[in-house]
Amino acid sequence: MAPKNVTVVGSGNWGMAIAKIIAGNTQRHPEFNDNLTVWMFDEDVQHRGQKRKLSELFNETKENVKYLPGIMLPSHVKAEPDLKKAVVDADILVWVLPHQFVPKTVQNMGPVKEGCVSVSLIKGGLELEGGKLGLCSDSLRKLLGHEVGVLMGANVANEVAAGEFCEATLGLQTKTHADILQKVFHCTSFRVNVVEDIAGVELCGALKNVVALGAGFCDGLDYGGNTKAALIRIGLQEMKTFIRHFYPDVKDATFLESCGVADLITTCFGGRNRKCAEAFVRAKGVKGWDQIEKELLGGQKLQGTLTAQEIWPVMQKHNLCDKLPLLTMVYQIAFEDRAPWCIVKLPQGMLSSAFHKDDGFFDEKST
């Protein structure tokens, strides 16, 4: 079989970090062409006193000076600002861009190669259609007309780019493309486990950003590790409750994968959502989310607030607010002027032990 071409769609912080991982694997495995294409939305940047196009500068230096400064990518990674050219020959598309840009991007990219498959690294993009919760991967699958898997995990982009060891979870519908897709990402420093549970993997990746806002509120209030640990535990249980309401067949073991508890812990102690939520509290109402995002994220998007706004009407429609007091409180603090200290005033029922053996979380079948 001819070697497969891989294109990364998106060139932000996480997009460039995963491109570095993939670039190592395209050289390591004969199943791939060495060259890796990254679709880079072209924008002007200031570099050494001159205004330059980001893609041109990257192709000269192999450094994305705006979104991943200080990290050099391999010479066989090429930035392509023309979207149609970037995807036309791709056998595998790796999606790493804010979910709100997905429909327009697909609309502008034209037809893709027959037999192409995609993997979404997009955390967020929930919708309600016909009474059922939809996923960003559902939207991509419908728009593209081909198989779409998801990759989520405890992955801070700068740490991944620096080669620090971590794990990720690859969620697929079937094992048809499991071997080749795992090889796209898996390496010594980035260990990838495959599970047949797209909904569980993807929804953990989206909902943990909302819980991380709560952790950031705690940091802004100078609460200690005990409080944050309690909120992480409650948050994990509420993630499970939310996901199970719409996808009863989600596997218990998925919550113990990197996409579940590990990603939740990492995001609640680091990452942009926690950081911005802390700043939101410390600003004492003077700064809104848009201003904080602009000041702290350097062009990156804050996914936790978007996801909180997306799930709120879903929670209301399905009478889930009383069952999800932490997610409810996060939304109210973020958007309804609820006092931040209310994050620790949750109903007592949710503070009891969340992981009883009889709920199946630790039963033998799930492990």
Protein backbone atom coordinates (compact mmCIF):
# COMPACT_ATOMS: atom_id res chain seq x y z
CA MET A 1 0.00 0.00 0.00
CA ALA A 2 1.11 3.54 -0.72
CA PRO A 3 2.37 5.48 2.30
CA LYS A 4 -0.34 7.60 3.87
CA ASN A 5 -0.31 11.39 4.03
CA VAL A 6 -1.20 13.11 7.30
CA THR A 7 -2.45 16.69 7.63
CA VAL A 8 -2.95 18.54 10.90
CA VAL A 9 -5.86 20.99 10.62
CA GLY A 10 -5.01 23.77 13.05
CA SER A 11 -1.78 25.35 14.22
CA GLY A 12 -2.40 26.71 17.69
CA ASN A 13 -0.56 25.67 20.84
CA TRP A 14 -1.92 22.13 20.93
CA GLY A 15 -1.91 21.74 17.17
CA MET A 16 1.81 22.45 16.95
CA ALA A 17 2.61 20.24 19.92
CA ILE A 18 0.81 17.25 18.45
CA ALA A 19 2.36 17.99 15.05
CA LYS A 20 5.76 17.48 16.63
CA ILE A 21 4.67 14.06 17.94
CA ILE A 22 3.16 13.06 14.60
CA ALA A 23 6.22 14.24 12.68
CA GLY A 24 8.38 11.84 14.65
CA ASN A 25 6.01 8.98 13.86
CA THR A 26 5.73 9.70 10.13
CA GLN A 27 9.49 9.19 9.92
CA ARG A 28 9.49 6.21 12.26
CA HIS A 29 6.82 4.12 10.51
CA PRO A 30 6.93 3.10 6.83
CA GLU A 31 3.12 3.31 6.62
CA PHE A 32 3.42 7.11 6.35
CA ASN A 33 5.02 9.63 4.05
CA ASP A 34 7.70 11.51 5.95
CA ASN A 35 6.38 14.95 5.12
CA LEU A 36 3.75 16.34 7.48
CA THR A 37 1.45 19.18 6.41
CA VAL A 38 -0.03 21.61 8.93
CA TRP A 39 -2.83 23.87 7.81
CA MET A 40 -1.90 27.22 9.32
CA PHE A 41 -4.40 30.06 9.33
CA ASP A 42 -2.28 32.86 7.97
CA GLU A 43 -1.91 35.93 10.10
CA ASP A 44 0.60 38.71 10.51
CA VAL A 45 3.06 38.54 13.41
CA GLN A 46 5.80 40.85 14.56
CA HIS A 47 9.22 39.20 14.43
CA ARG A 48 12.44 41.08 15.05
CA GLY A 49 10.82 44.39 14.24
CA GLN A 50 9.24 43.19 11.00
CA LYS A 51 5.69 42.16 10.13
CA ARG A 52 5.72 38.64 8.70
CA LYS A 53 3.22 36.03 7.66
CA LEU A 54 3.14 33.33 10.31
CA SER A 55 3.26 30.47 7.79
CA GLU A 56 6.23 31.91 5.91
CA LEU A 57 8.12 32.49 9.12
CA PHE A 58 7.38 28.95 10.31
CA ASN A 59 8.58 27.39 7.07
CA GLU A 60 11.84 29.32 7.36
CA THR A 61 12.51 28.68 11.05
CA LYS A 62 10.30 25.66 11.98
CA GLU A 63 9.13 27.62 15.02
CA ASN A 64 5.61 28.88 15.58
CA VAL A 65 6.63 32.08 17.28
CA LYS A 66 3.09 33.02 18.31
CA TYR A 67 1.56 29.81 19.62
CA LEU A 68 4.51 27.58 20.55
CA PRO A 69 7.57 29.82 20.91
CA GLY A 70 10.90 28.24 21.74
CA ILE A 71 10.03 24.83 20.29
CA MET A 72 11.56 23.77 16.98
CA LEU A 73 9.68 21.28 14.83
CA PRO A 74 11.40 18.84 12.45
CA SER A 75 12.41 20.04 8.99
CA HIS A 76 9.84 17.82 7.22
CA VAL A 77 6.88 19.71 8.78
CA LYS A 78 5.44 22.24 6.34
CA ALA A 79 2.90 24.97 7.06
CA GLU A 80 0.32 25.38 4.29
CA PRO A 81 -1.96 28.44 4.53
CA ASP A 82 -4.13 27.32 1.61
CA LEU A 83 -6.73 25.05 3.21
CA LYS A 84 -7.67 23.20 0.02
CA LYS A 85 -4.04 22.43 -0.78
CA ALA A 86 -3.40 21.30 2.79
CA VAL A 87 -6.11 18.63 2.80
CA VAL A 88 -6.46 17.50 -0.83
CA ASP A 89 -3.95 14.63 -0.62
CA ALA A 90 -4.52 13.69 3.03
CA ASP A 91 -5.36 10.13 3.99
CA ILE A 92 -5.60 11.10 7.67
CA LEU A 93 -6.84 14.46 8.96
CA VAL A 94 -6.02 15.46 12.54
CA TRP A 95 -8.39 18.20 13.72
CA VAL A 96 -7.00 20.63 16.30
CA LEU A 97 -8.91 23.91 16.22
CA PRO A 98 -11.66 25.58 18.28
CA HIS A 99 -14.93 23.78 17.69
CA GLN A 100 -16.80 26.92 16.66
CA PHE A 101 -14.62 27.11 13.53
CA VAL A 102 -15.30 23.55 12.35
CA PRO A 103 -18.33 24.09 10.07
CA LYS A 104 -16.79 27.00 8.19
CA THR A 105 -13.46 25.19 7.85
CA VAL A 106 -15.09 22.09 6.36
CA GLN A 107 -17.18 24.27 4.05
CA ASN A 108 -14.07 26.02 2.73
CA MET A 109 -11.79 23.01 2.31
CA GLY A 110 -13.48 21.29 -0.61
CA PRO A 111 -13.58 17.53 -1.24
CA VAL A 112 -11.24 15.16 0.52
CA LYS A 113 -9.52 12.03 -0.70
CA GLU A 114 -11.60 8.87 -0.95
CA GLY A 115 -10.92 6.62 2.03
CA CYS A 116 -9.76 9.53 4.20
CA VAL A 117 -10.36 9.23 7.96
CA SER A 118 -10.18 11.87 10.69
CA VAL A 119 -9.20 12.10 14.34
CA SER A 120 -10.60 14.97 16.38
CA LEU A 121 -8.58 16.50 19.22
CA ILE A 122 -11.28 19.16 19.68
CA LYS A 123 -12.54 19.52 23.24
CA GLY A 124 -16.04 20.99 23.15
CA GLY A 125 -18.77 21.47 20.59
CA LEU A 126 -21.85 19.96 22.19
CA GLU A 127 -25.30 20.27 20.68
CA LEU A 128 -28.79 18.90 21.24
CA GLU A 129 -30.56 17.38 18.26
CA GLY A 130 -33.75 15.36 18.41
CA GLY A 131 -33.56 15.12 22.19
CA LYS A 132 -30.10 13.54 22.07
CA LEU A 133 -26.79 15.13 22.92
CA GLY A 134 -24.50 15.49 19.92
CA LEU A 135 -20.71 15.63 19.80
CA CYS A 136 -18.20 17.56 17.75
CA SER A 137 -17.11 14.25 16.22
CA ASP A 138 -20.75 13.67 15.19
CA SER A 139 -20.74 17.01 13.38
CA LEU A 140 -17.44 16.23 11.67
CA ARG A 141 -18.65 12.78 10.67
CA LYS A 142 -21.80 14.27 9.15
CA LEU A 143 -19.95 17.08 7.37
CA LEU A 144 -17.09 14.94 6.05
CA GLY A 145 -18.90 11.68 5.35
CA HIS A 146 -16.14 9.48 6.73
CA GLU A 147 -15.00 7.85 9.97
CA VAL A 148 -13.97 10.19 12.79
CA GLY A 149 -12.20 9.07 15.97
CA VAL A 150 -11.24 11.20 18.97
CA LEU A 151 -8.02 11.66 20.95
CA MET A 152 -8.18 13.11 24.45
CA GLY A 153 -5.93 12.95 27.49
CA ALA A 154 -3.93 14.63 30.22
CA ASN A 155 -1.89 16.63 27.73
CA VAL A 156 -0.58 20.12 28.44
CA ALA A 157 0.69 21.27 25.05
CA ASN A 158 3.99 22.79 26.15
CA GLU A 159 4.88 19.69 28.17
CA VAL A 160 4.04 17.41 25.25
CA ALA A 161 6.15 19.57 22.93
CA ALA A 162 9.03 19.40 25.40
CA GLY A 163 8.94 15.60 25.24
CA GLU A 164 7.72 15.00 28.78
CA PHE A 165 6.07 11.60 29.22
CA CYS A 166 2.27 11.48 29.14
CA GLU A 167 -0.65 9.37 27.98
CA ALA A 168 -3.71 9.87 25.78
CA THR A 169 -6.84 7.91 24.90
CA LEU A 170 -7.88 7.20 21.32
CA GLY A 171 -11.63 6.60 21.03
CA LEU A 172 -12.88 4.77 17.94
CA GLN A 173 -16.17 3.26 16.80
CA THR A 174 -14.53 0.06 15.56
CA LYS A 175 -11.05 -1.39 15.36
CA THR A 176 -10.92 -1.12 11.56
CA HIS A 177 -8.38 1.72 11.57
CA ALA A 178 -7.07 1.23 15.10
CA ASP A 179 -3.55 0.10 14.22
CA ILE A 180 -2.75 2.85 11.73
CA LEU A 181 -4.35 5.63 13.80
CA GLN A 182 -2.55 4.56 16.95
CA LYS A 183 0.74 4.72 15.05
CA VAL A 184 0.01 8.34 14.08
CA PHE A 185 0.26 9.37 17.74
CA HIS A 186 1.86 6.66 19.88
CA CYS A 187 5.53 6.95 20.82
CA THR A 188 7.79 6.51 23.83
CA SER A 189 6.90 9.88 25.36
CA PHE A 190 3.25 9.94 24.22
CA ARG A 191 1.60 6.61 25.04
CA VAL A 192 -1.78 6.06 23.40
CA ASN A 193 -4.39 3.53 24.50
CA VAL A 194 -7.27 2.64 22.15
CA VAL A 195 -10.84 2.20 23.43
CA GLU A 196 -14.11 1.65 21.56
CA ASP A 197 -15.95 4.45 23.34
CA ILE A 198 -16.06 7.71 21.38
CA ALA A 199 -18.78 9.33 23.49
CA GLY A 200 -17.03 8.65 26.80
CA VAL A 201 -13.64 9.82 25.58
CA GLU A 202 -14.92 12.97 23.89
CA LEU A 203 -17.35 14.09 26.60
CA CYS A 204 -14.73 13.65 29.31
CA GLY A 205 -12.48 15.91 27.25
CA ALA A 206 -15.19 18.58 27.02
CA LEU A 207 -16.68 18.49 30.51
CA LYS A 208 -13.40 18.51 32.42
CA ASN A 209 -12.86 22.09 31.21
CA VAL A 210 -16.00 23.18 33.06
CA VAL A 211 -14.85 21.48 36.26
CA ALA A 212 -11.48 23.22 35.81
CA LEU A 213 -13.25 26.57 35.98
CA GLY A 214 -14.42 25.57 39.45
CA ALA A 215 -10.86 24.67 40.40
CA GLY A 216 -9.71 28.08 39.16
CA PHE A 217 -12.37 29.78 41.27
CA CYS A 218 -10.90 27.97 44.29
CA ASP A 219 -7.42 29.18 43.41
CA GLY A 220 -8.69 32.72 43.03
CA LEU A 221 -10.13 32.47 46.53
CA ASP A 222 -6.83 31.01 47.85
CA TYR A 223 -8.46 27.78 48.98
CA GLY A 224 -6.12 24.84 49.57
CA GLY A 225 -5.53 21.44 48.04
CA ASN A 226 -8.17 19.72 50.15
CA THR A 227 -10.91 21.86 48.61
CA LYS A 228 -9.66 21.38 45.09
CA ALA A 229 -9.39 17.62 45.60
CA ALA A 230 -13.01 17.52 46.78
CA LEU A 231 -14.18 19.45 43.73
CA ILE A 232 -12.22 17.15 41.41
CA ARG A 233 -13.92 14.11 42.97
CA ILE A 234 -17.36 15.69 42.74
CA GLY A 235 -16.61 16.90 39.23
CA LEU A 236 -15.64 13.43 38.04
CA GLN A 237 -18.85 11.98 39.42
CA GLU A 238 -20.94 14.71 37.78
CA MET A 239 -19.16 14.14 34.47
CA LYS A 240 -20.14 10.49 34.73
CA THR A 241 -23.74 11.36 35.62
CA PHE A 242 -24.06 13.80 32.72
CA ILE A 243 -22.51 11.45 30.15
CA ARG A 244 -24.48 8.41 31.31
CA HIS A 245 -27.76 10.31 30.98
CA PHE A 246 -27.25 10.59 27.22
CA TYR A 247 -24.98 7.60 26.56
CA PRO A 248 -25.90 4.78 28.98
CA ASP A 249 -23.47 2.38 27.27
CA VAL A 250 -20.38 4.45 28.03
CA LYS A 251 -17.75 2.20 29.61
CA ASP A 252 -16.88 2.68 33.28
CA ALA A 253 -13.23 2.02 32.49
CA THR A 254 -13.12 5.09 30.22
CA PHE A 255 -13.32 7.36 33.28
CA LEU A 256 -10.10 5.78 34.57
CA GLU A 257 -8.29 6.37 31.27
CA SER A 258 -6.07 9.36 30.56
CA CYS A 259 -9.07 11.11 28.98
CA GLY A 260 -10.95 10.82 32.29
CA VAL A 261 -9.51 11.24 35.75
CA ALA A 262 -5.97 12.02 34.57
CA ASP A 263 -7.05 14.80 32.21
CA LEU A 264 -9.35 16.20 34.89
CA ILE A 265 -6.54 16.37 37.45
CA THR A 266 -4.11 17.96 35.00
CA THR A 267 -6.61 20.57 33.86
CA CYS A 268 -7.61 21.47 37.41
CA PHE A 269 -4.00 22.14 38.40
CA GLY A 270 -2.78 23.67 35.13
CA GLY A 271 -4.13 24.72 31.76
CA ARG A 272 -5.88 27.77 30.44
CA ASN A 273 -9.33 27.22 31.99
CA ARG A 274 -8.05 27.08 35.55
CA LYS A 275 -5.75 30.02 34.91
CA CYS A 276 -8.47 32.25 33.49
CA ALA A 277 -10.98 31.29 36.18
CA GLU A 278 -8.49 32.29 38.87
CA ALA A 279 -8.01 35.63 37.13
CA PHE A 280 -11.79 36.05 36.88
CA VAL A 281 -12.14 35.79 40.66
CA ARG A 282 -9.17 38.03 41.41
CA ALA A 283 -10.52 40.70 39.04
CA LYS A 284 -13.56 41.04 41.36
CA GLY A 285 -15.96 41.79 38.52
CA VAL A 286 -13.79 44.39 36.81
CA LYS A 287 -12.80 42.13 33.91
CA GLY A 288 -15.05 39.90 31.83
CA TRP A 289 -14.15 36.59 30.20
CA ASP A 290 -13.36 38.14 26.81
CA GLN A 291 -10.85 40.54 28.30
CA ILE A 292 -9.22 37.85 30.44
CA GLU A 293 -8.97 35.53 27.44
CA LYS A 294 -7.34 38.26 25.37
CA GLU A 295 -4.86 39.21 28.10
CA LEU A 296 -3.81 35.72 29.18
CA LEU A 297 -4.14 33.35 26.24
CA GLY A 298 -2.31 35.10 23.40
CA GLY A 299 -4.88 34.27 20.75
CA GLN A 300 -5.92 30.87 22.12
CA LYS A 301 -9.58 30.24 22.97
CA LEU A 302 -11.09 29.53 26.37
CA GLN A 303 -13.07 26.31 25.95
CA GLY A 304 -14.46 25.88 29.48
CA THR A 305 -16.75 28.90 29.34
CA LEU A 306 -18.05 27.96 25.89
CA THR A 307 -18.78 24.41 27.01
CA ALA A 308 -20.50 25.65 30.18
CA GLN A 309 -22.79 27.81 28.04
CA GLU A 310 -23.50 24.90 25.73
CA ILE A 311 -24.39 22.36 28.40
CA TRP A 312 -26.48 24.76 30.52
CA PRO A 313 -29.63 24.67 28.32
CA VAL A 314 -29.12 20.93 27.90
CA MET A 315 -29.05 20.48 31.68
CA GLN A 316 -32.19 22.59 32.04
CA LYS A 317 -34.07 20.78 29.28
CA HIS A 318 -33.32 17.38 30.83
CA ASN A 319 -33.86 18.41 34.47
CA LEU A 320 -30.25 17.69 35.38
CA CYS A 321 -29.41 20.83 37.35
CA ASP A 322 -30.26 19.32 40.76
CA LYS A 323 -28.22 16.22 39.90
CA LEU A 324 -25.24 18.33 38.80
CA PRO A 325 -24.81 21.01 41.48
CA LEU A 326 -21.13 21.67 40.76
CA LEU A 327 -21.64 22.20 37.02
CA THR A 328 -24.67 24.34 37.86
CA MET A 329 -22.70 26.45 40.32
CA VAL A 330 -19.84 26.94 37.88
CA TYR A 331 -22.24 28.30 35.28
CA GLN A 332 -23.95 30.61 37.78
CA ILE A 333 -20.66 32.04 39.03
CA ALA A 334 -19.34 32.49 35.50
CA PHE A 335 -22.45 34.03 33.93
CA GLU A 336 -25.08 34.92 36.54
CA ASP A 337 -23.01 36.93 39.04
CA ARG A 338 -23.15 34.27 41.74
CA ALA A 339 -20.47 34.88 44.37
CA PRO A 340 -17.33 32.76 43.70
CA TRP A 341 -17.23 31.43 47.28
CA CYS A 342 -20.52 29.63 46.55
CA ILE A 343 -18.40 27.01 44.78
CA VAL A 344 -18.01 25.31 48.18
CA LYS A 345 -21.71 25.64 49.11
CA LEU A 346 -22.96 22.65 47.16
CA PRO A 347 -25.91 20.52 48.35
CA GLN A 348 -24.82 17.96 50.89
CA GLY A 349 -26.02 14.99 48.88
CA MET A 350 -23.23 15.32 46.33
CA LEU A 351 -20.57 15.49 49.01
CA SER A 352 -21.12 11.87 50.02
CA SER A 353 -19.03 9.07 48.56
CA ALA A 354 -19.42 9.08 44.79
CA PHE A 355 -17.90 5.74 43.92
CA HIS A 356 -19.97 3.05 45.61
CA LYS A 357 -19.14 -0.42 44.43
CA ASP A 358 -22.76 -1.05 43.46
CA ASP A 359 -22.75 1.71 40.84
CA GLY A 360 -20.52 -0.38 38.58
CA PHE A 361 -17.58 2.00 38.65
CA PHE A 362 -15.22 -0.62 39.96
CA ASP A 363 -17.01 -3.82 39.02
CA GLU A 364 -14.99 -6.57 37.39
CA LYS A 365 -16.59 -6.14 33.97
CA SER A 366 -15.49 -2.50 33.77
CA THR A 367 -11.87 -3.31 34.44
